[in-house]
N, C-alpha and C. Protein backbone atom coordinates (compact mmCIF):
# COMPACT_ATOMS: atom_id res chain seq x y z
N ASP A 1 4.57 18.30 22.16
CA ASP A 1 4.51 18.99 23.43
C ASP A 1 3.54 20.19 23.43
N GLN A 2 3.38 20.76 22.26
CA GLN A 2 2.64 22.01 22.20
C GLN A 2 1.24 21.75 21.51
N THR A 3 0.90 20.47 21.34
CA THR A 3 -0.45 20.18 20.75
C THR A 3 -1.38 19.89 21.87
N TYR A 4 -2.49 20.58 21.97
CA TYR A 4 -3.46 20.31 22.92
C TYR A 4 -4.81 20.87 22.45
N PHE A 5 -5.94 20.41 23.06
CA PHE A 5 -7.33 20.78 22.59
C PHE A 5 -8.07 21.33 23.78
N VAL A 6 -8.91 22.35 23.54
CA VAL A 6 -9.76 22.96 24.57
C VAL A 6 -11.14 22.90 24.12
N PRO A 7 -11.94 22.19 24.86
CA PRO A 7 -11.68 21.44 26.11
C PRO A 7 -10.93 20.18 25.77
N SER A 8 -10.22 19.67 26.89
CA SER A 8 -9.38 18.49 26.68
C SER A 8 -10.18 17.18 26.86
N THR A 9 -11.38 17.20 27.44
CA THR A 9 -12.21 16.07 27.62
C THR A 9 -13.64 16.42 27.15
N VAL A 10 -14.31 15.39 26.74
CA VAL A 10 -15.69 15.52 26.18
C VAL A 10 -16.52 14.39 26.79
N LYS A 11 -17.70 14.70 27.20
CA LYS A 11 -18.60 13.67 27.72
C LYS A 11 -19.48 13.10 26.63
N LEU A 12 -19.49 11.83 26.54
CA LEU A 12 -20.37 11.12 25.57
C LEU A 12 -21.58 10.66 26.22
N ARG A 13 -22.70 10.76 25.53
CA ARG A 13 -23.96 10.25 26.00
C ARG A 13 -24.48 9.28 24.90
N ALA A 14 -24.65 7.96 25.22
CA ALA A 14 -25.06 6.89 24.27
C ALA A 14 -25.64 5.78 25.06
N PRO A 15 -26.37 4.87 24.45
CA PRO A 15 -26.78 3.66 25.10
C PRO A 15 -25.52 2.90 25.61
N SER A 16 -25.68 2.25 26.80
CA SER A 16 -24.52 1.58 27.40
C SER A 16 -23.97 0.50 26.56
N GLN A 17 -24.82 -0.23 25.74
CA GLN A 17 -24.37 -1.22 24.81
C GLN A 17 -23.48 -0.76 23.77
N VAL A 18 -23.78 0.47 23.28
CA VAL A 18 -22.92 1.08 22.30
C VAL A 18 -21.53 1.33 22.86
N ILE A 19 -21.49 1.91 24.01
CA ILE A 19 -20.20 2.29 24.70
C ILE A 19 -19.48 1.00 25.02
N ASP A 20 -20.15 0.05 25.56
CA ASP A 20 -19.43 -1.18 25.94
C ASP A 20 -18.81 -1.87 24.62
N ASP A 21 -19.63 -1.91 23.57
CA ASP A 21 -19.00 -2.51 22.37
C ASP A 21 -17.84 -1.72 21.88
N ALA A 22 -17.93 -0.39 21.90
CA ALA A 22 -16.80 0.41 21.44
C ALA A 22 -15.56 0.23 22.40
N GLU A 23 -15.71 0.07 23.66
CA GLU A 23 -14.54 -0.08 24.57
C GLU A 23 -13.91 -1.43 24.39
N LYS A 24 -14.65 -2.49 23.91
CA LYS A 24 -14.07 -3.77 23.60
C LYS A 24 -13.09 -3.74 22.44
N LYS A 25 -13.34 -2.77 21.51
CA LYS A 25 -12.49 -2.71 20.31
C LYS A 25 -11.27 -1.90 20.54
N GLN A 26 -11.43 -0.77 21.32
CA GLN A 26 -10.28 0.06 21.59
C GLN A 26 -10.70 1.13 22.65
N PRO A 27 -9.73 1.74 23.24
CA PRO A 27 -10.07 2.81 24.24
C PRO A 27 -10.96 3.83 23.64
N LEU A 28 -11.82 4.37 24.56
CA LEU A 28 -12.77 5.47 24.00
C LEU A 28 -11.98 6.56 23.65
N ALA A 29 -12.27 7.26 22.55
CA ALA A 29 -11.67 8.41 22.14
C ALA A 29 -12.58 9.22 21.13
N VAL A 30 -12.57 10.45 21.29
CA VAL A 30 -13.31 11.39 20.44
C VAL A 30 -12.16 12.08 19.50
N TYR A 31 -12.47 12.20 18.23
CA TYR A 31 -11.51 12.76 17.24
C TYR A 31 -11.90 14.12 16.81
N ALA A 32 -10.82 15.02 16.64
CA ALA A 32 -11.02 16.25 16.08
C ALA A 32 -10.84 16.13 14.53
N ASP A 33 -11.71 16.64 13.73
CA ASP A 33 -11.64 16.44 12.35
C ASP A 33 -10.95 17.63 11.72
N ILE A 34 -9.65 17.42 11.49
CA ILE A 34 -8.82 18.58 10.93
C ILE A 34 -8.43 18.32 9.48
N THR A 35 -9.10 17.30 8.92
CA THR A 35 -8.70 16.87 7.48
C THR A 35 -8.99 17.93 6.43
N LYS A 36 -9.93 18.74 6.66
CA LYS A 36 -10.30 19.78 5.61
C LYS A 36 -9.75 21.23 5.90
N ARG A 37 -8.97 21.33 6.89
CA ARG A 37 -8.38 22.59 7.16
C ARG A 37 -7.18 22.97 6.33
N GLU A 38 -7.27 24.08 5.56
CA GLU A 38 -6.24 24.52 4.65
C GLU A 38 -4.97 24.87 5.39
N GLU A 39 -5.05 25.27 6.67
CA GLU A 39 -3.91 25.70 7.40
C GLU A 39 -2.73 24.71 7.34
N PHE A 40 -3.05 23.47 7.22
CA PHE A 40 -2.01 22.35 7.27
C PHE A 40 -1.22 22.34 6.03
N LYS A 41 -1.72 22.88 4.96
CA LYS A 41 -0.98 22.84 3.62
C LYS A 41 -0.01 23.99 3.50
N THR A 42 -0.15 25.08 4.21
CA THR A 42 0.69 26.22 4.04
C THR A 42 1.43 26.69 5.29
N ARG A 43 0.98 26.35 6.45
CA ARG A 43 1.59 26.92 7.62
C ARG A 43 2.39 25.84 8.45
N THR A 44 3.36 26.46 9.20
CA THR A 44 4.08 25.57 10.13
C THR A 44 4.20 26.19 11.51
N GLY A 45 4.75 25.54 12.47
CA GLY A 45 4.74 26.11 13.81
C GLY A 45 3.57 25.94 14.59
N THR A 46 3.37 26.71 15.69
CA THR A 46 2.25 26.53 16.53
C THR A 46 1.07 27.31 15.93
N GLN A 47 -0.05 26.59 15.70
CA GLN A 47 -1.25 27.25 15.12
C GLN A 47 -2.50 26.94 16.05
N LYS A 48 -3.36 27.87 16.07
CA LYS A 48 -4.57 27.86 16.83
C LYS A 48 -5.75 27.73 15.87
N LEU A 49 -6.47 26.66 15.93
CA LEU A 49 -7.58 26.54 15.01
C LEU A 49 -8.93 26.50 15.86
N GLU A 50 -9.78 27.41 15.57
CA GLU A 50 -11.05 27.47 16.27
C GLU A 50 -12.10 26.62 15.56
N ASN A 51 -13.14 26.26 16.43
CA ASN A 51 -14.24 25.46 15.90
C ASN A 51 -13.94 24.25 15.04
N VAL A 52 -13.04 23.51 15.52
CA VAL A 52 -12.73 22.14 14.83
C VAL A 52 -13.78 21.16 15.22
N PRO A 53 -14.51 20.60 14.30
CA PRO A 53 -15.59 19.64 14.69
C PRO A 53 -15.04 18.35 15.24
N LEU A 54 -15.90 17.74 16.11
CA LEU A 54 -15.53 16.52 16.75
C LEU A 54 -16.36 15.40 16.14
N TYR A 55 -15.86 14.22 16.23
CA TYR A 55 -16.65 13.07 15.89
C TYR A 55 -16.26 11.86 16.71
N TRP A 56 -17.13 10.91 16.85
CA TRP A 56 -16.89 9.59 17.49
C TRP A 56 -17.19 8.51 16.57
N VAL A 57 -16.57 7.44 16.68
CA VAL A 57 -16.71 6.39 15.71
C VAL A 57 -18.18 6.00 15.47
N LYS A 58 -18.94 5.85 16.55
CA LYS A 58 -20.43 5.59 16.39
C LYS A 58 -21.06 7.01 16.32
N ARG A 59 -22.00 7.17 15.42
CA ARG A 59 -22.62 8.53 15.29
C ARG A 59 -24.13 8.44 15.64
N GLU A 60 -24.77 7.17 15.57
CA GLU A 60 -26.11 7.08 15.80
C GLU A 60 -26.39 6.96 17.31
N ASN A 61 -27.44 7.70 17.76
CA ASN A 61 -27.80 7.64 19.14
C ASN A 61 -26.67 8.08 20.17
N VAL A 62 -25.82 8.94 19.67
CA VAL A 62 -24.73 9.43 20.48
C VAL A 62 -24.78 11.01 20.49
N SER A 63 -24.56 11.51 21.69
CA SER A 63 -24.45 13.02 21.71
C SER A 63 -23.16 13.32 22.55
N MET A 64 -22.57 14.48 22.32
CA MET A 64 -21.42 14.90 22.97
C MET A 64 -21.64 16.22 23.73
N SER A 65 -20.92 16.43 24.80
CA SER A 65 -21.13 17.72 25.59
C SER A 65 -20.77 18.94 24.76
N VAL A 66 -19.82 18.78 23.84
CA VAL A 66 -19.47 19.83 22.93
C VAL A 66 -19.28 19.24 21.51
N ASN A 67 -19.56 20.06 20.47
CA ASN A 67 -19.42 19.50 19.13
C ASN A 67 -18.19 19.97 18.41
N SER A 68 -17.41 20.94 19.00
CA SER A 68 -16.24 21.38 18.44
C SER A 68 -15.23 21.85 19.55
N VAL A 69 -13.91 21.92 19.13
CA VAL A 69 -12.98 22.38 20.06
C VAL A 69 -12.00 23.31 19.45
N THR A 70 -11.18 23.94 20.30
CA THR A 70 -10.10 24.80 19.76
C THR A 70 -8.87 23.90 19.78
N ALA A 71 -8.26 23.67 18.66
CA ALA A 71 -7.05 22.94 18.56
C ALA A 71 -5.84 23.79 18.47
N ASN A 72 -4.93 23.59 19.41
CA ASN A 72 -3.63 24.25 19.47
C ASN A 72 -2.60 23.19 18.98
N LEU A 73 -2.11 23.35 17.77
CA LEU A 73 -1.33 22.38 17.15
C LEU A 73 0.12 22.86 16.87
N ASP A 74 1.06 21.99 16.95
CA ASP A 74 2.48 22.26 16.57
C ASP A 74 2.63 21.55 15.23
N ILE A 75 2.53 22.29 14.09
CA ILE A 75 2.62 21.80 12.87
C ILE A 75 4.02 21.76 12.31
N ARG A 76 4.49 20.59 12.02
CA ARG A 76 5.82 20.37 11.49
C ARG A 76 5.96 20.51 10.04
N ALA A 77 6.99 21.13 9.57
CA ALA A 77 7.19 21.22 8.11
C ALA A 77 7.24 19.85 7.46
N ARG A 78 6.75 19.76 6.29
CA ARG A 78 6.82 18.44 5.55
C ARG A 78 8.25 18.07 5.26
N ASP A 79 8.55 16.84 5.28
CA ASP A 79 9.87 16.28 4.98
C ASP A 79 10.10 16.42 3.52
N VAL A 80 11.38 16.69 3.16
CA VAL A 80 11.81 16.81 1.79
C VAL A 80 12.76 15.64 1.50
N THR A 81 12.91 15.23 0.31
CA THR A 81 13.76 14.20 -0.20
C THR A 81 14.87 14.85 -0.95
N TYR A 82 16.12 14.36 -0.84
CA TYR A 82 17.27 14.82 -1.46
C TYR A 82 18.18 13.69 -1.86
N GLU A 83 18.78 13.80 -3.01
CA GLU A 83 19.71 12.71 -3.46
C GLU A 83 21.13 13.22 -3.34
N ILE A 84 21.93 12.57 -2.55
CA ILE A 84 23.33 12.93 -2.39
C ILE A 84 24.09 12.21 -3.46
N ALA A 85 24.90 12.97 -4.23
CA ALA A 85 25.59 12.43 -5.38
C ALA A 85 26.61 11.34 -4.93
N SER A 86 27.38 11.60 -3.85
CA SER A 86 28.40 10.62 -3.49
C SER A 86 28.61 10.73 -1.92
N VAL A 87 28.64 9.60 -1.25
CA VAL A 87 28.88 9.61 0.21
C VAL A 87 30.15 8.64 0.41
N PRO A 88 31.13 9.17 1.15
CA PRO A 88 32.27 8.39 1.49
C PRO A 88 32.00 7.32 2.43
N ILE A 89 32.62 6.13 2.29
CA ILE A 89 32.50 4.99 3.13
C ILE A 89 33.74 4.81 3.89
N PHE A 90 33.66 4.81 5.23
CA PHE A 90 34.86 4.67 6.06
C PHE A 90 34.70 3.20 6.67
N LYS A 91 35.84 2.58 6.86
CA LYS A 91 35.78 1.20 7.37
C LYS A 91 36.20 1.21 8.83
N GLU A 92 35.58 0.35 9.63
CA GLU A 92 35.94 0.15 10.97
C GLU A 92 36.29 -1.35 11.15
N THR A 93 37.43 -1.61 11.60
CA THR A 93 37.92 -3.05 11.73
C THR A 93 38.47 -3.26 13.13
N PRO A 94 38.48 -4.48 13.55
CA PRO A 94 39.08 -4.84 14.87
C PRO A 94 40.56 -4.61 14.80
N ALA A 95 41.18 -4.47 16.06
CA ALA A 95 42.59 -4.18 16.03
C ALA A 95 43.39 -5.36 15.46
N GLY A 96 44.38 -5.12 14.69
CA GLY A 96 45.18 -6.17 14.13
C GLY A 96 44.73 -6.78 12.77
N LEU A 97 43.38 -6.64 12.44
CA LEU A 97 42.90 -7.23 11.23
C LEU A 97 43.66 -6.75 10.10
N GLU A 98 43.95 -5.43 9.91
CA GLU A 98 44.52 -4.89 8.78
C GLU A 98 46.04 -5.21 8.66
N GLU A 99 46.58 -5.65 9.76
CA GLU A 99 48.00 -6.19 9.66
C GLU A 99 48.07 -7.43 8.94
N ARG A 100 46.98 -8.21 9.00
CA ARG A 100 47.06 -9.52 8.27
C ARG A 100 46.27 -9.51 6.95
N PHE A 101 45.24 -8.60 6.89
CA PHE A 101 44.45 -8.59 5.68
C PHE A 101 44.33 -7.17 5.09
N LYS A 102 44.25 -7.09 3.77
CA LYS A 102 43.89 -5.83 3.11
C LYS A 102 42.32 -5.87 2.94
N VAL A 103 41.67 -4.75 3.27
CA VAL A 103 40.28 -4.70 3.03
C VAL A 103 39.99 -4.07 1.66
N ASP A 104 39.46 -4.83 0.74
CA ASP A 104 39.24 -4.32 -0.61
C ASP A 104 37.72 -3.93 -0.72
N TYR A 105 37.38 -2.60 -1.00
CA TYR A 105 36.05 -2.26 -1.14
C TYR A 105 35.94 -0.94 -1.88
N THR A 106 34.85 -0.68 -2.45
CA THR A 106 34.57 0.66 -3.12
C THR A 106 34.33 1.62 -1.93
N ALA A 107 35.14 2.73 -2.04
CA ALA A 107 35.18 3.66 -0.85
C ALA A 107 34.13 4.83 -0.90
N SER A 108 33.16 4.68 -1.80
CA SER A 108 32.08 5.69 -1.83
C SER A 108 30.84 5.07 -2.44
N ILE A 109 29.68 5.60 -2.05
CA ILE A 109 28.43 5.11 -2.63
C ILE A 109 27.74 6.31 -3.29
N THR A 110 27.12 6.13 -4.39
CA THR A 110 26.55 7.12 -5.22
C THR A 110 25.04 7.16 -5.09
N ASN A 111 24.49 8.31 -5.34
CA ASN A 111 22.96 8.49 -5.41
C ASN A 111 22.26 8.05 -4.21
N VAL A 112 22.62 8.46 -3.05
CA VAL A 112 21.97 8.14 -1.76
C VAL A 112 20.79 9.09 -1.55
N LYS A 113 19.61 8.50 -1.48
CA LYS A 113 18.43 9.34 -1.26
C LYS A 113 18.08 9.42 0.25
N VAL A 114 17.90 10.62 0.78
CA VAL A 114 17.61 10.89 2.19
C VAL A 114 16.31 11.73 2.27
N THR A 115 15.66 11.65 3.40
CA THR A 115 14.52 12.46 3.61
C THR A 115 14.51 12.99 5.02
N GLY A 116 13.94 14.20 5.21
CA GLY A 116 13.90 14.79 6.54
C GLY A 116 13.48 16.26 6.47
N PRO A 117 13.58 16.90 7.59
CA PRO A 117 13.13 18.31 7.68
C PRO A 117 14.08 19.22 6.71
N ALA A 118 13.40 20.15 6.08
CA ALA A 118 14.09 21.04 5.10
C ALA A 118 15.37 21.66 5.60
N GLU A 119 15.33 22.06 6.87
CA GLU A 119 16.55 22.68 7.44
C GLU A 119 17.77 21.81 7.50
N GLN A 120 17.53 20.57 7.88
CA GLN A 120 18.68 19.58 7.91
C GLN A 120 19.06 19.18 6.53
N ILE A 121 18.12 19.07 5.57
CA ILE A 121 18.49 18.62 4.26
C ILE A 121 19.32 19.81 3.67
N GLU A 122 19.01 21.02 3.93
CA GLU A 122 19.74 22.16 3.50
C GLU A 122 21.22 22.15 4.01
N GLN A 123 21.43 21.66 5.26
CA GLN A 123 22.80 21.52 5.80
C GLN A 123 23.64 20.47 4.98
N ILE A 124 22.90 19.43 4.47
CA ILE A 124 23.61 18.49 3.60
C ILE A 124 23.92 19.18 2.26
N ARG A 125 22.85 19.80 1.71
CA ARG A 125 23.04 20.39 0.38
C ARG A 125 24.17 21.38 0.38
N ASN A 126 24.28 22.24 1.33
CA ASN A 126 25.28 23.29 1.36
C ASN A 126 26.61 22.90 1.90
N GLY A 127 26.72 21.58 2.37
CA GLY A 127 27.99 21.13 2.87
C GLY A 127 28.36 21.43 4.33
N THR A 128 27.33 22.00 5.04
CA THR A 128 27.57 22.32 6.41
C THR A 128 27.60 21.00 7.21
N PHE A 129 26.81 20.03 6.86
CA PHE A 129 26.88 18.65 7.38
C PHE A 129 27.43 17.68 6.41
N LYS A 130 28.49 16.97 6.72
CA LYS A 130 29.12 16.03 5.74
C LYS A 130 28.55 14.66 6.08
N VAL A 131 27.73 14.09 5.20
CA VAL A 131 27.22 12.75 5.40
C VAL A 131 28.38 11.72 5.12
N LYS A 132 28.39 10.71 5.99
CA LYS A 132 29.31 9.59 5.68
C LYS A 132 28.63 8.28 6.09
N ALA A 133 29.23 7.22 5.60
CA ALA A 133 28.69 5.91 5.89
C ALA A 133 29.90 5.17 6.46
N VAL A 134 29.54 4.23 7.44
CA VAL A 134 30.57 3.49 8.09
C VAL A 134 30.26 2.03 7.83
N MET A 135 31.28 1.30 7.42
CA MET A 135 31.17 -0.07 7.16
C MET A 135 31.95 -0.80 8.34
N VAL A 136 31.24 -1.49 9.15
CA VAL A 136 31.81 -2.15 10.28
C VAL A 136 32.15 -3.59 9.89
N ILE A 137 33.43 -4.05 10.03
CA ILE A 137 33.86 -5.38 9.66
C ILE A 137 34.33 -6.03 11.03
N SER A 138 33.59 -7.10 11.35
CA SER A 138 33.90 -7.77 12.63
C SER A 138 35.10 -8.66 12.49
N GLY A 139 35.37 -9.16 11.30
CA GLY A 139 36.49 -10.04 11.01
C GLY A 139 36.27 -11.45 11.45
N LEU A 140 35.38 -11.78 12.38
CA LEU A 140 35.09 -13.02 12.96
C LEU A 140 34.31 -13.87 11.88
N ASN A 141 33.42 -13.21 11.12
CA ASN A 141 32.51 -13.96 10.21
C ASN A 141 32.87 -13.81 8.76
N SER A 142 34.09 -13.16 8.55
CA SER A 142 34.44 -12.86 7.13
C SER A 142 35.21 -13.96 6.50
N SER A 143 34.96 -14.19 5.17
CA SER A 143 35.80 -15.11 4.37
C SER A 143 36.94 -14.33 3.79
N THR A 144 37.98 -15.08 3.36
CA THR A 144 39.11 -14.39 2.69
C THR A 144 39.14 -14.86 1.24
N GLY A 145 39.92 -14.08 0.46
CA GLY A 145 40.05 -14.44 -0.95
C GLY A 145 39.11 -13.83 -1.82
N ASP A 146 38.75 -14.56 -2.92
CA ASP A 146 37.84 -13.89 -3.90
C ASP A 146 36.40 -13.89 -3.48
N ARG A 147 36.01 -14.60 -2.50
CA ARG A 147 34.61 -14.62 -2.17
C ARG A 147 34.27 -13.36 -1.39
N PRO A 148 33.23 -12.67 -1.86
CA PRO A 148 32.93 -11.39 -1.28
C PRO A 148 32.08 -11.56 0.10
N ASN A 149 32.20 -10.54 0.94
CA ASN A 149 31.47 -10.54 2.17
C ASN A 149 30.62 -9.27 2.07
N SER A 150 29.64 -9.19 2.94
CA SER A 150 28.87 -7.97 2.94
C SER A 150 28.53 -7.60 4.36
N THR A 151 28.36 -6.37 4.64
CA THR A 151 28.04 -5.87 5.89
C THR A 151 27.08 -4.65 5.72
N ASP A 152 26.43 -4.27 6.77
CA ASP A 152 25.50 -3.16 6.83
C ASP A 152 26.30 -1.90 6.76
N LEU A 153 25.84 -0.89 6.06
CA LEU A 153 26.44 0.45 6.10
C LEU A 153 25.58 1.21 7.19
N LYS A 154 26.34 1.98 8.00
CA LYS A 154 25.68 2.80 9.03
C LYS A 154 25.91 4.28 8.61
N TYR A 155 24.83 4.99 8.35
CA TYR A 155 24.94 6.33 7.87
C TYR A 155 24.91 7.35 8.99
N GLU A 156 25.73 8.31 8.89
CA GLU A 156 25.79 9.42 9.93
C GLU A 156 25.09 10.57 9.24
N LEU A 157 23.92 10.93 9.72
CA LEU A 157 22.97 11.81 9.19
C LEU A 157 22.52 12.87 10.19
N PRO A 158 22.19 14.12 9.86
CA PRO A 158 21.65 14.98 10.74
C PRO A 158 20.41 14.46 11.53
N GLN A 159 20.16 15.00 12.69
CA GLN A 159 19.01 14.56 13.41
C GLN A 159 17.70 14.80 12.65
N GLY A 160 16.85 13.71 12.66
CA GLY A 160 15.57 13.85 11.83
C GLY A 160 15.73 13.31 10.54
N VAL A 161 16.92 13.11 9.98
CA VAL A 161 17.13 12.72 8.56
C VAL A 161 17.26 11.21 8.59
N SER A 162 16.78 10.54 7.54
CA SER A 162 16.92 9.15 7.42
C SER A 162 17.08 8.75 5.89
N LEU A 163 17.33 7.48 5.64
CA LEU A 163 17.40 7.09 4.21
C LEU A 163 15.96 7.06 3.75
N ALA A 164 15.72 7.51 2.46
CA ALA A 164 14.40 7.58 1.93
C ALA A 164 13.86 6.19 1.89
N PRO A 165 12.43 6.15 1.99
CA PRO A 165 11.82 4.85 1.91
C PRO A 165 12.11 4.11 0.64
N GLY A 166 12.34 2.83 0.68
CA GLY A 166 12.68 2.07 -0.45
C GLY A 166 14.23 1.99 -0.78
N SER A 167 15.02 2.69 0.03
CA SER A 167 16.42 2.73 -0.27
C SER A 167 16.99 1.40 0.01
N ASP A 168 17.62 0.77 -0.96
CA ASP A 168 18.27 -0.54 -0.78
C ASP A 168 19.82 -0.38 -0.64
N ARG A 169 20.22 0.73 -0.19
CA ARG A 169 21.71 1.01 -0.16
C ARG A 169 22.25 0.89 1.20
N VAL A 170 21.95 -0.22 1.92
CA VAL A 170 22.47 -0.35 3.30
C VAL A 170 23.46 -1.51 3.41
N LYS A 171 23.48 -2.43 2.46
CA LYS A 171 24.54 -3.49 2.46
C LYS A 171 25.72 -3.10 1.53
N TRP A 172 26.89 -3.55 1.89
CA TRP A 172 28.04 -3.13 1.14
C TRP A 172 28.98 -4.30 1.09
N GLU A 173 29.57 -4.61 -0.12
CA GLU A 173 30.47 -5.73 -0.22
C GLU A 173 31.93 -5.28 -0.07
N TYR A 174 32.64 -6.31 0.51
CA TYR A 174 34.16 -6.07 0.62
C TYR A 174 34.80 -7.40 0.53
N ARG A 175 36.10 -7.42 0.31
CA ARG A 175 36.91 -8.71 0.28
C ARG A 175 38.05 -8.47 1.23
N LEU A 176 38.40 -9.56 1.92
CA LEU A 176 39.58 -9.59 2.77
C LEU A 176 40.69 -10.32 1.99
N ILE A 177 41.80 -9.65 1.70
CA ILE A 177 42.91 -10.29 0.94
C ILE A 177 44.04 -10.44 1.87
N GLU A 178 44.50 -11.64 1.97
CA GLU A 178 45.62 -11.90 2.96
C GLU A 178 46.91 -11.21 2.45
N ARG A 179 47.55 -10.53 3.39
CA ARG A 179 48.78 -9.82 3.03
C ARG A 179 49.97 -10.81 3.04
N GLU A 180 50.92 -10.56 2.10
CA GLU A 180 52.09 -11.39 2.07
C GLU A 180 53.01 -11.02 3.25
N ARG A 181 53.68 -12.08 3.75
CA ARG A 181 54.44 -11.83 4.90
C ARG A 181 55.95 -11.84 4.63
């Protein structure tokens, strides 16, 4: 919401064939080259960068009404990764299922890696936010006895936090054991 460029539009001057070819591939756009600016490595929040050079995909026989802009950017802090030693797993079952069956499962999962904004990760670290996983059992597709079933774990995480890329800890096994009557 707080990122914008001044000026916000730039006029291109190029042979019509060059512009026509470019429009066929994608909408016309001019880019601000912010790749070499050190401000992104150390600062966060709203930043104003003067004299940011512009470029267009085609550079030959092209001129622009301006060659640089002022970039007003909202720079977000880099996400951090954290490993939670143990997350409790709660079960959610349909009404009456646990009267007929015992749900046998491991009630916690270890070494869960999450990633997100440093402030939210700190809430997990210091215990302000208690992460939990929920195992939803529909009962309709589950087998009973020694054959294991599996279901997706749904993690309750702070806003902006997610499982770290490559995390394979989303399926969980359980068994339904018929209760004696």
